[in-house]
Amino acid sequence: MAEKVSSMKWFGLALEALLVLANEDTLCPSGKLAEKLNSKSTFLRKILTHLVKAELIQAKEGRDGGYALKKRPETITLAEVYDAMKAETFPKGFLDVESKECFLPNTQASLCNLREEMEEWIVTGLKEKTLADLME
């Protein structure tokens, strides 16, 4: 599994940014996008960088630059966005039992496996929805 570098907040903001871009006819500058999302443009650009690397959006630099979807909304699954953001599904410490001596090793392993299974359930569900589903 890939190293997780961001939070579910990043995933949520990425989805919101994609929804705004899906409704734009032209390139949308990061400042305008940040204003619409009530976010700081420097923070939002970090998120947009992940979406560009995942080839979900395109970026044009310069005075007339901005961002636009690279794919149609019905072809962008929420799992792709989740993967692009490498979102940490659960809060830090959620079912973190490996260092707790009050659990037997089998119980510790079972709880760790449960956490992994829960993430698999989430990703499976996200694969079934597209950005277009959120626009309906």
C-alpha atoms as a PDB file:
ATOM      1  CA  MET A   1       0.000   0.000   0.000  1.00  0.00           C
ATOM      2  CA  ALA A   2       1.262   3.489  -0.842  1.00  0.00           C
ATOM      3  CA  GLU A   3       2.523   5.820   1.870  1.00  0.00           C
ATOM      4  CA  LYS A   4      -0.329   8.014   3.040  1.00  0.00           C
ATOM      5  CA  VAL A   5       0.559  11.673   2.909  1.00  0.00           C
ATOM      6  CA  SER A   6      -2.637  13.614   3.450  1.00  0.00           C
ATOM      7  CA  SER A   7      -5.961  13.528   5.235  1.00  0.00           C
ATOM      8  CA  MET A   8      -9.605  13.012   4.445  1.00  0.00           C
ATOM      9  CA  LYS A   9      -9.863  16.813   4.488  1.00  0.00           C
ATOM     10  CA  TRP A  10      -7.618  16.821   1.399  1.00  0.00           C
ATOM     11  CA  PHE A  11      -9.837  14.208  -0.240  1.00  0.00           C
ATOM     12  CA  GLY A  12     -12.954  16.245   0.464  1.00  0.00           C
ATOM     13  CA  LEU A  13     -11.437  19.451  -0.866  1.00  0.00           C
ATOM     14  CA  ALA A  14     -10.160  17.599  -3.948  1.00  0.00           C
ATOM     15  CA  LEU A  15     -13.701  16.386  -4.666  1.00  0.00           C
ATOM     16  CA  GLU A  16     -15.078  19.893  -4.223  1.00  0.00           C
ATOM     17  CA  ALA A  17     -12.428  21.335  -6.556  1.00  0.00           C
ATOM     18  CA  LEU A  18     -13.216  18.713  -9.194  1.00  0.00           C
ATOM     19  CA  LEU A  19     -16.920  19.513  -8.959  1.00  0.00           C
ATOM     20  CA  VAL A  20     -16.247  23.221  -9.477  1.00  0.00           C
ATOM     21  CA  LEU A  21     -13.951  22.468 -12.429  1.00  0.00           C
ATOM     22  CA  ALA A  22     -16.590  20.180 -13.925  1.00  0.00           C
ATOM     23  CA  ASN A  23     -18.927  23.167 -14.104  1.00  0.00           C
ATOM     24  CA  GLU A  24     -16.369  25.545 -15.635  1.00  0.00           C
ATOM     25  CA  ASP A  25     -16.240  26.112 -19.391  1.00  0.00           C
ATOM     26  CA  THR A  26     -12.730  27.571 -19.359  1.00  0.00           C
ATOM     27  CA  LEU A  27      -9.552  27.277 -17.322  1.00  0.00           C
ATOM     28  CA  CYS A  28     -10.114  28.216 -13.703  1.00  0.00           C
ATOM     29  CA  PRO A  29      -7.246  29.993 -11.911  1.00  0.00           C
ATOM     30  CA  SER A  30      -6.343  28.637  -8.476  1.00  0.00           C
ATOM     31  CA  GLY A  31      -7.255  31.960  -6.843  1.00  0.00           C
ATOM     32  CA  LYS A  32     -10.788  31.860  -8.258  1.00  0.00           C
ATOM     33  CA  LEU A  33     -11.130  28.190  -7.333  1.00  0.00           C
ATOM     34  CA  ALA A  34      -9.891  28.862  -3.787  1.00  0.00           C
ATOM     35  CA  GLU A  35     -12.346  31.734  -3.449  1.00  0.00           C
ATOM     36  CA  LYS A  36     -15.269  29.540  -4.521  1.00  0.00           C
ATOM     37  CA  LEU A  37     -14.210  26.844  -2.047  1.00  0.00           C
ATOM     38  CA  ASN A  38     -13.419  29.294   0.765  1.00  0.00           C
ATOM     39  CA  SER A  39      -9.869  27.937   0.922  1.00  0.00           C
ATOM     40  CA  LYS A  40      -6.373  29.372   0.788  1.00  0.00           C
ATOM     41  CA  SER A  41      -4.952  29.182  -2.746  1.00  0.00           C
ATOM     42  CA  THR A  42      -1.515  27.982  -1.545  1.00  0.00           C
ATOM     43  CA  PHE A  43      -3.110  25.042   0.272  1.00  0.00           C
ATOM     44  CA  LEU A  44      -5.431  24.289  -2.631  1.00  0.00           C
ATOM     45  CA  ARG A  45      -2.523  24.253  -5.105  1.00  0.00           C
ATOM     46  CA  LYS A  46      -0.932  21.428  -3.079  1.00  0.00           C
ATOM     47  CA  ILE A  47      -4.102  19.405  -3.588  1.00  0.00           C
ATOM     48  CA  LEU A  48      -4.338  20.330  -7.267  1.00  0.00           C
ATOM     49  CA  THR A  49      -0.752  19.131  -7.766  1.00  0.00           C
ATOM     50  CA  HIS A  50      -1.832  15.636  -6.700  1.00  0.00           C
ATOM     51  CA  LEU A  51      -4.779  15.746  -9.133  1.00  0.00           C
ATOM     52  CA  VAL A  52      -2.496  16.853 -11.981  1.00  0.00           C
ATOM     53  CA  LYS A  53      -0.041  14.010 -11.244  1.00  0.00           C
ATOM     54  CA  ALA A  54      -2.965  11.553 -11.295  1.00  0.00           C
ATOM     55  CA  GLU A  55      -3.967  13.015 -14.682  1.00  0.00           C
ATOM     56  CA  LEU A  56      -7.442  13.911 -13.456  1.00  0.00           C
ATOM     57  CA  ILE A  57      -6.949  17.593 -14.233  1.00  0.00           C
ATOM     58  CA  GLN A  58      -4.647  19.636 -16.429  1.00  0.00           C
ATOM     59  CA  ALA A  59      -2.791  22.777 -15.480  1.00  0.00           C
ATOM     60  CA  LYS A  60      -1.684  25.666 -17.627  1.00  0.00           C
ATOM     61  CA  GLU A  61       0.841  28.038 -16.101  1.00  0.00           C
ATOM     62  CA  GLY A  62       1.118  31.729 -16.721  1.00  0.00           C
ATOM     63  CA  ARG A  63      -1.035  34.803 -16.805  1.00  0.00           C
ATOM     64  CA  ASP A  64      -3.932  33.125 -18.619  1.00  0.00           C
ATOM     65  CA  GLY A  65      -3.403  29.836 -16.823  1.00  0.00           C
ATOM     66  CA  GLY A  66      -5.562  27.756 -14.602  1.00  0.00           C
ATOM     67  CA  TYR A  67      -6.965  24.280 -14.137  1.00  0.00           C
ATOM     68  CA  ALA A  68      -9.476  22.167 -16.017  1.00  0.00           C
ATOM     69  CA  LEU A  69     -10.684  18.575 -15.938  1.00  0.00           C
ATOM     70  CA  LYS A  70      -8.611  16.274 -18.104  1.00  0.00           C
ATOM     71  CA  LYS A  71     -11.276  13.574 -18.133  1.00  0.00           C
ATOM     72  CA  ARG A  72     -15.055  13.635 -18.348  1.00  0.00           C
ATOM     73  CA  PRO A  73     -16.804  13.583 -14.936  1.00  0.00           C
ATOM     74  CA  GLU A  74     -18.469  10.231 -15.677  1.00  0.00           C
ATOM     75  CA  THR A  75     -15.044   8.623 -16.150  1.00  0.00           C
ATOM     76  CA  ILE A  76     -13.499   9.884 -12.890  1.00  0.00           C
ATOM     77  CA  THR A  77     -14.172   7.451 -10.065  1.00  0.00           C
ATOM     78  CA  LEU A  78     -14.055   8.637  -6.494  1.00  0.00           C
ATOM     79  CA  ALA A  79     -11.527   5.872  -5.859  1.00  0.00           C
ATOM     80  CA  GLU A  80      -9.168   7.589  -8.336  1.00  0.00           C
ATOM     81  CA  VAL A  81      -9.468  10.812  -6.372  1.00  0.00           C
ATOM     82  CA  TYR A  82      -8.958   8.944  -3.096  1.00  0.00           C
ATOM     83  CA  ASP A  83      -5.863   7.250  -4.513  1.00  0.00           C
ATOM     84  CA  ALA A  84      -4.520  10.539  -5.912  1.00  0.00           C
ATOM     85  CA  MET A  85      -4.823  12.150  -2.495  1.00  0.00           C
ATOM     86  CA  LYS A  86      -3.475   9.088  -0.676  1.00  0.00           C
ATOM     87  CA  ALA A  87      -6.013   9.949   1.983  1.00  0.00           C
ATOM     88  CA  GLU A  88      -5.591   8.582   5.489  1.00  0.00           C
ATOM     89  CA  THR A  89      -9.019   7.090   6.067  1.00  0.00           C
ATOM     90  CA  PHE A  90      -9.101   6.925   9.819  1.00  0.00           C
ATOM     91  CA  PRO A  91      -7.921   9.380  12.469  1.00  0.00           C
ATOM     92  CA  LYS A  92      -4.447   8.818  13.864  1.00  0.00           C
ATOM     93  CA  GLY A  93      -4.548   6.101  16.484  1.00  0.00           C
ATOM     94  CA  PHE A  94      -7.767   4.475  15.215  1.00  0.00           C
ATOM     95  CA  LEU A  95      -7.499   0.803  16.187  1.00  0.00           C
ATOM     96  CA  ASP A  96      -3.791   1.302  16.901  1.00  0.00           C
ATOM     97  CA  VAL A  97      -3.407  -1.637  19.243  1.00  0.00           C
ATOM     98  CA  GLU A  98       0.032  -3.002  18.396  1.00  0.00           C
ATOM     99  CA  SER A  99       1.697  -1.310  21.368  1.00  0.00           C
ATOM    100  CA  LYS A 100      -1.076  -2.048  23.844  1.00  0.00           C
ATOM    101  CA  GLU A 101      -0.156  -4.948  26.105  1.00  0.00           C
ATOM    102  CA  CYS A 102      -3.724  -5.449  27.335  1.00  0.00           C
ATOM    103  CA  PHE A 103      -4.564  -7.326  24.110  1.00  0.00           C
ATOM    104  CA  LEU A 104      -3.361 -10.790  23.244  1.00  0.00           C
ATOM    105  CA  PRO A 105      -1.360 -10.984  19.982  1.00  0.00           C
ATOM    106  CA  ASN A 106      -4.277 -12.682  18.189  1.00  0.00           C
ATOM    107  CA  THR A 107      -6.639  -9.892  19.237  1.00  0.00           C
ATOM    108  CA  GLN A 108      -4.139  -7.243  18.148  1.00  0.00           C
ATOM    109  CA  ALA A 109      -3.838  -8.902  14.742  1.00  0.00           C
ATOM    110  CA  SER A 110      -7.612  -9.181  14.414  1.00  0.00           C
ATOM    111  CA  LEU A 111      -8.103  -5.485  15.148  1.00  0.00           C
ATOM    112  CA  CYS A 112      -5.359  -4.501  12.688  1.00  0.00           C
ATOM    113  CA  ASN A 113      -6.947  -6.714  10.041  1.00  0.00           C
ATOM    114  CA  LEU A 114     -10.322  -5.089  10.724  1.00  0.00           C
ATOM    115  CA  ARG A 115      -8.834  -1.651  10.052  1.00  0.00           C
ATOM    116  CA  GLU A 116      -7.427  -2.872   6.713  1.00  0.00           C
ATOM    117  CA  GLU A 117     -10.741  -4.522   5.784  1.00  0.00           C
ATOM    118  CA  MET A 118     -12.636  -1.328   6.561  1.00  0.00           C
ATOM    119  CA  GLU A 119     -10.409   0.628   4.186  1.00  0.00           C
ATOM    120  CA  GLU A 120     -10.991  -1.996   1.485  1.00  0.00           C
ATOM    121  CA  TRP A 121     -14.764  -1.581   1.957  1.00  0.00           C
ATOM    122  CA  ILE A 122     -14.434   2.175   1.557  1.00  0.00           C
ATOM    123  CA  VAL A 123     -12.310   1.897  -1.606  1.00  0.00           C
ATOM    124  CA  THR A 124     -14.702  -0.668  -3.080  1.00  0.00           C
ATOM    125  CA  GLY A 125     -17.594   1.725  -2.525  1.00  0.00           C
ATOM    126  CA  LEU A 126     -15.666   4.650  -4.019  1.00  0.00           C
ATOM    127  CA  LYS A 127     -14.965   2.625  -7.166  1.00  0.00           C
ATOM    128  CA  GLU A 128     -18.715   2.430  -7.778  1.00  0.00           C
ATOM    129  CA  LYS A 129     -19.242   6.221  -7.823  1.00  0.00           C
ATOM    130  CA  THR A 130     -18.063   8.805 -10.299  1.00  0.00           C
ATOM    131  CA  LEU A 131     -17.729  12.543 -10.148  1.00  0.00           C
ATOM    132  CA  ALA A 132     -20.793  12.761 -12.404  1.00  0.00           C
ATOM    133  CA  ASP A 133     -22.812  10.890  -9.740  1.00  0.00           C
ATOM    134  CA  LEU A 134     -22.149  13.773  -7.343  1.00  0.00           C
ATOM    135  CA  MET A 135     -23.327  16.294  -9.916  1.00  0.00           C
ATOM    136  CA  GLU A 136     -26.825  14.819 -10.323  1.00  0.00           C
END
